[in-house]
Amino acid sequence: MSRLFLGAAMLAATVLPPTSHAATRPTIVLVHGAFADSSSWNGVIGQLQKDGYTVVAAANPLRSVKGDAASVARVVGSIKGDVVLVGHSYGGSVITQAAEGQANVRALVYVAAFAPAVGESGMALSRKYPGSTLGPTLAPPVALASGGHDLFIEQAKFPAQFAADLPPKTAALMAAGQRPVTDTALNDAPTSAAWTHIPSWHIYGDADKCIPPAAMAFMAERAASKKTVVIKGASHVVMVSHPLEVAHVIEEAAAAK
């Protein structure tokens, strides 16, 4: 009888669903910023997937904070289980509002990103401290039929302004494929600020020419950042030039209790 019981127990053990640590991990949702697209996360995605995380790189329309946040919020709302919401650059403004009211968002990660307060635009924050040289590098604005303008960085000026720590060929490819942002979006402000009640992590480079590092330090401190990492010599696209460091910060946020 004891052998029969043991055999039955072993059989039962083989058909029970396994308990997987990966299954309890949050999904990582990445939101790109202005003048970039989801491919800018490729290095980070590769590391996160290698470490067992499910990753979604959400398309950011780059039209307005309100509309872009609503688009990202729909993506987050479709995901079962916890989410870590990550934003780069203007994408930080988007996740700041998109996370509001989303019960499954457990952490925010700002990657060379704006973390605005209610009523505070990315443009205002970039002017709060000296250091941004973005304005003179913009190409002539492209008028939109609906009003307003699309903004691009001049391709010849893109590498030095946006991606100075990347190989020239890589920066040139990014310049050619950049996604435009509207002037409305950069001057738009969130109507809620999720970092006031959702824990946040911050990482940026000290050679960023788009958002002044001093502004990002101010925003991280104001948000009571759980951890702030400053990469020496890193440009605005720190997630492209230092994907491992960015992935590690995201994973730390994902593992936090």
C-alpha atoms as a PDB file:
ATOM      1  CA  MET A   1       0.000   0.000   0.000  1.00  0.00           C
ATOM      2  CA  SER A   2       2.807   2.387   0.823  1.00  0.00           C
ATOM      3  CA  ARG A   3       4.395   1.834  -2.614  1.00  0.00           C
ATOM      4  CA  LEU A   4       1.036   2.369  -4.316  1.00  0.00           C
ATOM      5  CA  PHE A   5       0.457   5.557  -2.358  1.00  0.00           C
ATOM      6  CA  LEU A   6       3.932   6.815  -3.185  1.00  0.00           C
ATOM      7  CA  GLY A   7       3.403   6.066  -6.865  1.00  0.00           C
ATOM      8  CA  ALA A   8       0.105   7.941  -6.917  1.00  0.00           C
ATOM      9  CA  ALA A   9       1.678  10.914  -5.171  1.00  0.00           C
ATOM     10  CA  MET A  10       4.502  11.039  -7.695  1.00  0.00           C
ATOM     11  CA  LEU A  11       2.032  10.899 -10.578  1.00  0.00           C
ATOM     12  CA  ALA A  12      -0.006  13.703  -9.060  1.00  0.00           C
ATOM     13  CA  ALA A  13       3.120  15.783  -8.676  1.00  0.00           C
ATOM     14  CA  THR A  14       3.879  15.482 -12.384  1.00  0.00           C
ATOM     15  CA  VAL A  15       0.518  16.856 -13.498  1.00  0.00           C
ATOM     16  CA  LEU A  16       0.267  19.794 -11.103  1.00  0.00           C
ATOM     17  CA  PRO A  17       1.024  23.137 -12.793  1.00  0.00           C
ATOM     18  CA  PRO A  18       4.570  24.216 -11.975  1.00  0.00           C
ATOM     19  CA  THR A  19       5.134  27.323  -9.883  1.00  0.00           C
ATOM     20  CA  SER A  20       7.271  29.611 -12.010  1.00  0.00           C
ATOM     21  CA  HIS A  21       9.036  32.673 -10.679  1.00  0.00           C
ATOM     22  CA  ALA A  22       8.785  34.158 -14.171  1.00  0.00           C
ATOM     23  CA  ALA A  23       5.009  33.859 -14.056  1.00  0.00           C
ATOM     24  CA  THR A  24       4.910  36.193 -11.050  1.00  0.00           C
ATOM     25  CA  ARG A  25       7.071  38.850 -12.665  1.00  0.00           C
ATOM     26  CA  PRO A  26       5.438  42.031 -13.899  1.00  0.00           C
ATOM     27  CA  THR A  27       5.186  42.816 -17.588  1.00  0.00           C
ATOM     28  CA  ILE A  28       7.517  45.628 -18.640  1.00  0.00           C
ATOM     29  CA  VAL A  29       5.856  48.288 -20.824  1.00  0.00           C
ATOM     30  CA  LEU A  30       8.323  50.599 -22.567  1.00  0.00           C
ATOM     31  CA  VAL A  31       7.257  53.970 -23.967  1.00  0.00           C
ATOM     32  CA  HIS A  32       9.592  55.779 -26.369  1.00  0.00           C
ATOM     33  CA  GLY A  33       9.926  59.531 -26.545  1.00  0.00           C
ATOM     34  CA  ALA A  34      10.127  62.242 -29.188  1.00  0.00           C
ATOM     35  CA  PHE A  35      12.375  61.823 -32.236  1.00  0.00           C
ATOM     36  CA  ALA A  36      12.617  58.084 -31.541  1.00  0.00           C
ATOM     37  CA  ASP A  37      10.545  54.924 -31.913  1.00  0.00           C
ATOM     38  CA  SER A  38      10.153  51.558 -30.198  1.00  0.00           C
ATOM     39  CA  SER A  39      13.350  50.227 -31.808  1.00  0.00           C
ATOM     40  CA  SER A  40      15.307  52.507 -29.480  1.00  0.00           C
ATOM     41  CA  TRP A  41      14.514  49.953 -26.749  1.00  0.00           C
ATOM     42  CA  ASN A  42      15.925  46.959 -28.656  1.00  0.00           C
ATOM     43  CA  GLY A  43      19.016  46.504 -26.480  1.00  0.00           C
ATOM     44  CA  VAL A  44      16.992  46.815 -23.280  1.00  0.00           C
ATOM     45  CA  ILE A  45      14.318  44.444 -24.590  1.00  0.00           C
ATOM     46  CA  GLY A  46      16.919  41.812 -25.419  1.00  0.00           C
ATOM     47  CA  GLN A  47      18.329  41.889 -21.896  1.00  0.00           C
ATOM     48  CA  LEU A  48      14.909  41.853 -20.216  1.00  0.00           C
ATOM     49  CA  GLN A  49      13.738  38.934 -22.347  1.00  0.00           C
ATOM     50  CA  LYS A  50      16.961  37.071 -21.604  1.00  0.00           C
ATOM     51  CA  ASP A  51      16.212  37.531 -17.908  1.00  0.00           C
ATOM     52  CA  GLY A  52      12.717  36.104 -18.297  1.00  0.00           C
ATOM     53  CA  TYR A  53      10.543  39.200 -18.512  1.00  0.00           C
ATOM     54  CA  THR A  54       7.616  39.743 -20.843  1.00  0.00           C
ATOM     55  CA  VAL A  55       8.095  43.073 -22.612  1.00  0.00           C
ATOM     56  CA  VAL A  56       5.740  45.313 -24.593  1.00  0.00           C
ATOM     57  CA  ALA A  57       7.178  48.305 -26.455  1.00  0.00           C
ATOM     58  CA  ALA A  58       4.140  50.536 -26.831  1.00  0.00           C
ATOM     59  CA  ALA A  59       3.838  52.853 -29.821  1.00  0.00           C
ATOM     60  CA  ASN A  60       3.716  56.460 -28.640  1.00  0.00           C
ATOM     61  CA  PRO A  61       1.742  58.670 -31.080  1.00  0.00           C
ATOM     62  CA  LEU A  62       3.668  61.819 -30.006  1.00  0.00           C
ATOM     63  CA  ARG A  63       0.618  64.031 -30.552  1.00  0.00           C
ATOM     64  CA  SER A  64      -0.373  65.271 -27.063  1.00  0.00           C
ATOM     65  CA  VAL A  65       0.173  64.189 -23.474  1.00  0.00           C
ATOM     66  CA  LYS A  66      -3.529  63.539 -22.938  1.00  0.00           C
ATOM     67  CA  GLY A  67      -4.043  61.538 -26.129  1.00  0.00           C
ATOM     68  CA  ASP A  68      -0.740  59.667 -25.915  1.00  0.00           C
ATOM     69  CA  ALA A  69      -1.354  58.779 -22.253  1.00  0.00           C
ATOM     70  CA  ALA A  70      -4.810  57.441 -23.136  1.00  0.00           C
ATOM     71  CA  SER A  71      -3.245  55.271 -25.853  1.00  0.00           C
ATOM     72  CA  VAL A  72      -0.637  53.830 -23.473  1.00  0.00           C
ATOM     73  CA  ALA A  73      -3.229  53.388 -20.716  1.00  0.00           C
ATOM     74  CA  ARG A  74      -5.279  51.168 -23.030  1.00  0.00           C
ATOM     75  CA  VAL A  75      -2.225  48.981 -23.595  1.00  0.00           C
ATOM     76  CA  VAL A  76      -1.567  48.755 -19.853  1.00  0.00           C
ATOM     77  CA  GLY A  77      -5.206  47.998 -19.157  1.00  0.00           C
ATOM     78  CA  SER A  78      -5.148  45.060 -21.569  1.00  0.00           C
ATOM     79  CA  ILE A  79      -2.353  43.324 -19.640  1.00  0.00           C
ATOM     80  CA  LYS A  80      -3.189  40.775 -16.974  1.00  0.00           C
ATOM     81  CA  GLY A  81      -1.061  41.097 -13.886  1.00  0.00           C
ATOM     82  CA  ASP A  82       1.361  43.727 -12.673  1.00  0.00           C
ATOM     83  CA  VAL A  83       3.126  46.210 -14.930  1.00  0.00           C
ATOM     84  CA  VAL A  84       6.280  48.283 -14.654  1.00  0.00           C
ATOM     85  CA  LEU A  85       5.804  51.352 -16.842  1.00  0.00           C
ATOM     86  CA  VAL A  86       8.959  52.842 -18.358  1.00  0.00           C
ATOM     87  CA  GLY A  87       9.254  56.114 -20.269  1.00  0.00           C
ATOM     88  CA  HIS A  88      12.057  57.798 -22.189  1.00  0.00           C
ATOM     89  CA  SER A  89      12.246  61.570 -22.681  1.00  0.00           C
ATOM     90  CA  TYR A  90       8.771  62.920 -23.544  1.00  0.00           C
ATOM     91  CA  GLY A  91       7.552  59.384 -22.829  1.00  0.00           C
ATOM     92  CA  GLY A  92       8.085  60.230 -19.169  1.00  0.00           C
ATOM     93  CA  SER A  93       5.337  62.838 -19.384  1.00  0.00           C
ATOM     94  CA  VAL A  94       3.122  60.210 -21.002  1.00  0.00           C
ATOM     95  CA  ILE A  95       3.627  57.513 -18.344  1.00  0.00           C
ATOM     96  CA  THR A  96       3.161  60.113 -15.601  1.00  0.00           C
ATOM     97  CA  GLN A  97      -0.445  60.460 -16.696  1.00  0.00           C
ATOM     98  CA  ALA A  98      -1.028  57.017 -18.232  1.00  0.00           C
ATOM     99  CA  ALA A  99      -0.372  55.244 -14.919  1.00  0.00           C
ATOM    100  CA  GLU A 100      -3.066  57.216 -13.132  1.00  0.00           C
ATOM    101  CA  GLY A 101      -6.029  54.970 -12.359  1.00  0.00           C
ATOM    102  CA  GLN A 102      -4.239  51.815 -13.555  1.00  0.00           C
ATOM    103  CA  ALA A 103      -4.361  49.474 -10.577  1.00  0.00           C
ATOM    104  CA  ASN A 104      -1.797  47.066 -12.065  1.00  0.00           C
ATOM    105  CA  VAL A 105       1.057  49.599 -12.400  1.00  0.00           C
ATOM    106  CA  ARG A 106       3.420  48.862  -9.514  1.00  0.00           C
ATOM    107  CA  ALA A 107       6.420  50.998 -10.498  1.00  0.00           C
ATOM    108  CA  LEU A 108       7.514  53.776 -12.840  1.00  0.00           C
ATOM    109  CA  VAL A 109      10.954  54.067 -14.418  1.00  0.00           C
ATOM    110  CA  TYR A 110      12.126  57.338 -15.952  1.00  0.00           C
ATOM    111  CA  VAL A 111      14.928  56.925 -18.513  1.00  0.00           C
ATOM    112  CA  ALA A 112      16.413  60.326 -19.405  1.00  0.00           C
ATOM    113  CA  ALA A 113      12.818  61.435 -19.042  1.00  0.00           C
ATOM    114  CA  PHE A 114      10.499  64.154 -17.888  1.00  0.00           C
ATOM    115  CA  ALA A 115       8.644  63.490 -14.636  1.00  0.00           C
ATOM    116  CA  PRO A 116       6.360  66.518 -14.632  1.00  0.00           C
ATOM    117  CA  ALA A 117       4.006  67.725 -11.962  1.00  0.00           C
ATOM    118  CA  VAL A 118       0.393  68.526 -12.777  1.00  0.00           C
ATOM    119  CA  GLY A 119       0.303  71.488 -15.165  1.00  0.00           C
ATOM    120  CA  GLU A 120       4.038  71.308 -15.926  1.00  0.00           C
ATOM    121  CA  SER A 121       5.109  70.797 -19.555  1.00  0.00           C
ATOM    122  CA  GLY A 122       8.245  69.144 -20.847  1.00  0.00           C
ATOM    123  CA  MET A 123       9.243  72.399 -22.527  1.00  0.00           C
ATOM    124  CA  ALA A 124       8.964  74.282 -19.235  1.00  0.00           C
ATOM    125  CA  LEU A 125      11.060  71.680 -17.438  1.00  0.00           C
ATOM    126  CA  SER A 126      13.768  71.723 -20.109  1.00  0.00           C
ATOM    127  CA  ARG A 127      14.048  75.488 -19.612  1.00  0.00           C
ATOM    128  CA  LYS A 128      14.072  75.317 -15.818  1.00  0.00           C
ATOM    129  CA  TYR A 129      17.838  74.746 -15.801  1.00  0.00           C
ATOM    130  CA  PRO A 130      20.526  75.590 -18.385  1.00  0.00           C
ATOM    131  CA  GLY A 131      21.950  72.881 -20.600  1.00  0.00           C
ATOM    132  CA  SER A 132      19.409  72.019 -23.296  1.00  0.00           C
ATOM    133  CA  THR A 133      20.601  72.828 -26.821  1.00  0.00           C
ATOM    134  CA  LEU A 134      17.665  71.203 -28.606  1.00  0.00           C
ATOM    135  CA  GLY A 135      16.018  74.377 -29.956  1.00  0.00           C
ATOM    136  CA  PRO A 136      18.715  75.429 -32.456  1.00  0.00           C
ATOM    137  CA  THR A 137      18.961  71.880 -33.847  1.00  0.00           C
ATOM    138  CA  LEU A 138      15.318  71.639 -34.920  1.00  0.00           C
ATOM    139  CA  ALA A 139      14.487  71.571 -38.611  1.00  0.00           C
ATOM    140  CA  PRO A 140      11.855  73.925 -40.076  1.00  0.00           C
ATOM    141  CA  PRO A 141       8.512  72.791 -38.621  1.00  0.00           C
ATOM    142  CA  VAL A 142       6.126  70.838 -40.814  1.00  0.00           C
ATOM    143  CA  ALA A 143       2.608  72.263 -40.819  1.00  0.00           C
ATOM    144  CA  LEU A 144      -0.215  69.831 -40.033  1.00  0.00           C
ATOM    145  CA  ALA A 145      -3.588  69.931 -41.745  1.00  0.00           C
ATOM    146  CA  SER A 146      -5.257  69.780 -38.329  1.00  0.00           C
ATOM    147  CA  GLY A 147      -3.221  72.730 -37.054  1.00  0.00           C
ATOM    148  CA  GLY A 148       0.058  72.883 -35.192  1.00  0.00           C
ATOM    149  CA  HIS A 149       3.357  71.513 -36.445  1.00  0.00           C
ATOM    150  CA  ASP A 150       5.480  68.390 -36.490  1.00  0.00           C
ATOM    151  CA  LEU A 151       9.015  68.841 -35.223  1.00  0.00           C
ATOM    152  CA  PHE A 152      12.159  67.015 -36.334  1.00  0.00           C
ATOM    153  CA  ILE A 153      15.837  67.379 -35.484  1.00  0.00           C
ATOM    154  CA  GLU A 154      18.001  68.259 -38.498  1.00  0.00           C
ATOM    155  CA  GLN A 155      19.661  65.039 -39.574  1.00  0.00           C
ATOM    156  CA  ALA A 156      23.132  66.589 -39.710  1.00  0.00           C
ATOM    157  CA  LYS A 157      22.762  67.850 -36.141  1.00  0.00           C
ATOM    158  CA  PHE A 158      21.017  64.759 -34.746  1.00  0.00           C
ATOM    159  CA  PRO A 159      24.099  62.711 -33.745  1.00  0.00           C
ATOM    160  CA  ALA A 160      25.751  65.423 -31.638  1.00  0.00           C
ATOM    161  CA  GLN A 161      22.478  66.592 -30.106  1.00  0.00           C
ATOM    162  CA  PHE A 162      20.653  63.345 -29.471  1.00  0.00           C
ATOM    163  CA  ALA A 163      23.084  60.445 -29.630  1.00  0.00           C
ATOM    164  CA  ALA A 164      26.641  61.667 -29.170  1.00  0.00           C
ATOM    165  CA  ASP A 165      27.831  58.476 -27.481  1.00  0.00           C
ATOM    166  CA  LEU A 166      26.679  56.155 -30.295  1.00  0.00           C
ATOM    167  CA  PRO A 167      28.667  55.052 -33.358  1.00  0.00           C
ATOM    168  CA  PRO A 168      28.144  57.606 -36.160  1.00  0.00           C
ATOM    169  CA  LYS A 169      26.445  55.065 -38.436  1.00  0.00           C
ATOM    170  CA  THR A 170      23.960  54.106 -35.726  1.00  0.00           C
ATOM    171  CA  ALA A 171      23.184  57.753 -34.967  1.00  0.00           C
ATOM    172  CA  ALA A 172      22.712  58.467 -38.684  1.00  0.00           C
ATOM    173  CA  LEU A 173      20.192  55.630 -38.982  1.00  0.00           C
ATOM    174  CA  MET A 174      18.281  56.974 -36.005  1.00  0.00           C
ATOM    175  CA  ALA A 175      18.315  60.458 -37.533  1.00  0.00           C
ATOM    176  CA  ALA A 176      16.815  59.199 -40.779  1.00  0.00           C
ATOM    177  CA  GLY A 177      14.118  57.183 -39.016  1.00  0.00           C
ATOM    178  CA  GLN A 178      13.196  59.659 -36.280  1.00  0.00           C
ATOM    179  CA  ARG A 179       9.533  60.064 -35.378  1.00  0.00           C
ATOM    180  CA  PRO A 180       8.246  63.646 -35.233  1.00  0.00           C
ATOM    181  CA  VAL A 181       6.613  65.120 -32.165  1.00  0.00           C
ATOM    182  CA  THR A 182       4.099  67.941 -32.300  1.00  0.00           C
ATOM    183  CA  ASP A 183       4.851  71.321 -30.787  1.00  0.00           C
ATOM    184  CA  THR A 184       1.565  70.834 -28.917  1.00  0.00           C
ATOM    185  CA  ALA A 185       2.887  67.705 -27.182  1.00  0.00           C
ATOM    186  CA  LEU A 186       6.069  69.346 -25.937  1.00  0.00           C
ATOM    187  CA  ASN A 187       4.059  72.220 -24.513  1.00  0.00           C
ATOM    188  CA  ASP A 188       1.317  69.985 -23.114  1.00  0.00           C
ATOM    189  CA  ALA A 189       1.121  69.141 -19.420  1.00  0.00           C
ATOM    190  CA  PRO A 190      -0.337  66.179 -17.520  1.00  0.00           C
ATOM    191  CA  THR A 191      -3.491  66.577 -15.469  1.00  0.00           C
ATOM    192  CA  SER A 192      -2.309  63.976 -12.962  1.00  0.00           C
ATOM    193  CA  ALA A 193       1.092  62.867 -11.689  1.00  0.00           C
ATOM    194  CA  ALA A 194       1.279  59.176 -10.836  1.00  0.00           C
ATOM    195  CA  TRP A 195       4.785  59.449  -9.361  1.00  0.00           C
ATOM    196  CA  THR A 196       3.229  61.147  -6.335  1.00  0.00           C
ATOM    197  CA  HIS A 197       1.836  57.780  -5.208  1.00  0.00           C
ATOM    198  CA  ILE A 198       3.592  55.120  -7.342  1.00  0.00           C
ATOM    199  CA  PRO A 199       7.286  54.462  -6.563  1.00  0.00           C
ATOM    200  CA  SER A 200       9.726  55.554  -9.245  1.00  0.00           C
ATOM    201  CA  TRP A 201      13.285  54.861 -10.371  1.00  0.00           C
ATOM    202  CA  HIS A 202      15.386  57.227 -12.512  1.00  0.00           C
ATOM    203  CA  ILE A 203      18.390  56.842 -14.817  1.00  0.00           C
ATOM    204  CA  TYR A 204      19.996  59.381 -17.127  1.00  0.00           C
ATOM    205  CA  GLY A 205      23.316  60.511 -18.562  1.00  0.00           C
ATOM    206  CA  ASP A 206      25.324  63.497 -17.364  1.00  0.00           C
ATOM    207  CA  ALA A 207      26.034  64.506 -20.992  1.00  0.00           C
ATOM    208  CA  ASP A 208      22.375  64.796 -22.020  1.00  0.00           C
ATOM    209  CA  LYS A 209      21.866  67.803 -24.324  1.00  0.00           C
ATOM    210  CA  CYS A 210      18.073  67.531 -24.637  1.00  0.00           C
ATOM    211  CA  ILE A 211      16.930  67.510 -21.008  1.00  0.00           C
ATOM    212  CA  PRO A 212      19.388  69.224 -18.651  1.00  0.00           C
ATOM    213  CA  PRO A 213      20.830  66.724 -16.165  1.00  0.00           C
ATOM    214  CA  ALA A 214      20.129  69.251 -13.401  1.00  0.00           C
ATOM    215  CA  ALA A 215      16.438  69.150 -14.341  1.00  0.00           C
ATOM    216  CA  MET A 216      16.392  65.368 -14.178  1.00  0.00           C
ATOM    217  CA  ALA A 217      18.123  65.408 -10.801  1.00  0.00           C
ATOM    218  CA  PHE A 218      15.474  67.858  -9.569  1.00  0.00           C
ATOM    219  CA  MET A 219      12.619  65.693 -10.858  1.00  0.00           C
ATOM    220  CA  ALA A 220      14.082  62.494  -9.365  1.00  0.00           C
ATOM    221  CA  GLU A 221      14.514  64.107  -5.953  1.00  0.00           C
ATOM    222  CA  ARG A 222      11.035  65.621  -6.068  1.00  0.00           C
ATOM    223  CA  ALA A 223       9.552  62.221  -6.896  1.00  0.00           C
ATOM    224  CA  ALA A 224      11.394  60.631  -3.931  1.00  0.00           C
ATOM    225  CA  SER A 225      13.172  58.323  -6.369  1.00  0.00           C
ATOM    226  CA  LYS A 226      13.847  54.863  -4.946  1.00  0.00           C
ATOM    227  CA  LYS A 227      17.122  54.854  -6.847  1.00  0.00           C
ATOM    228  CA  THR A 228      18.733  57.347  -9.217  1.00  0.00           C
ATOM    229  CA  VAL A 229      21.539  56.245 -11.540  1.00  0.00           C
ATOM    230  CA  VAL A 230      23.626  58.796 -13.449  1.00  0.00           C
ATOM    231  CA  ILE A 231      25.735  57.398 -16.290  1.00  0.00           C
ATOM    232  CA  LYS A 232      28.902  59.395 -16.885  1.00  0.00           C
ATOM    233  CA  GLY A 233      29.215  60.606 -20.465  1.00  0.00           C
ATOM    234  CA  ALA A 234      25.864  59.170 -21.584  1.00  0.00           C
ATOM    235  CA  SER A 235      23.753  61.037 -24.116  1.00  0.00           C
ATOM    236  CA  HIS A 236      19.983  61.461 -24.257  1.00  0.00           C
ATOM    237  CA  VAL A 237      19.604  57.916 -25.635  1.00  0.00           C
ATOM    238  CA  VAL A 238      21.143  56.239 -22.607  1.00  0.00           C
ATOM    239  CA  MET A 239      18.934  53.179 -23.215  1.00  0.00           C
ATOM    240  CA  VAL A 240      20.670  52.659 -26.580  1.00  0.00           C
ATOM    241  CA  SER A 241      24.232  53.307 -25.421  1.00  0.00           C
ATOM    242  CA  HIS A 242      23.878  51.610 -22.011  1.00  0.00           C
ATOM    243  CA  PRO A 243      21.095  49.021 -22.342  1.00  0.00           C
ATOM    244  CA  LEU A 244      22.393  46.756 -19.571  1.00  0.00           C
ATOM    245  CA  GLU A 245      22.438  49.529 -16.982  1.00  0.00           C
ATOM    246  CA  VAL A 246      18.946  50.627 -17.975  1.00  0.00           C
ATOM    247  CA  ALA A 247      17.661  47.031 -17.895  1.00  0.00           C
ATOM    248  CA  HIS A 248      19.136  46.548 -14.424  1.00  0.00           C
ATOM    249  CA  VAL A 249      17.290  49.591 -13.072  1.00  0.00           C
ATOM    250  CA  ILE A 250      14.052  48.329 -14.612  1.00  0.00           C
ATOM    251  CA  GLU A 251      14.567  44.887 -13.105  1.00  0.00           C
ATOM    252  CA  GLU A 252      15.279  46.415  -9.714  1.00  0.00           C
ATOM    253  CA  ALA A 253      11.980  48.290  -9.938  1.00  0.00           C
ATOM    254  CA  ALA A 254      10.236  45.091 -11.014  1.00  0.00           C
ATOM    255  CA  ALA A 255      11.629  43.143  -8.062  1.00  0.00           C
ATOM    256  CA  ALA A 256      10.875  45.761  -5.424  1.00  0.00           C
ATOM    257  CA  LYS A 257       8.237  44.916  -2.863  1.00  0.00           C
END
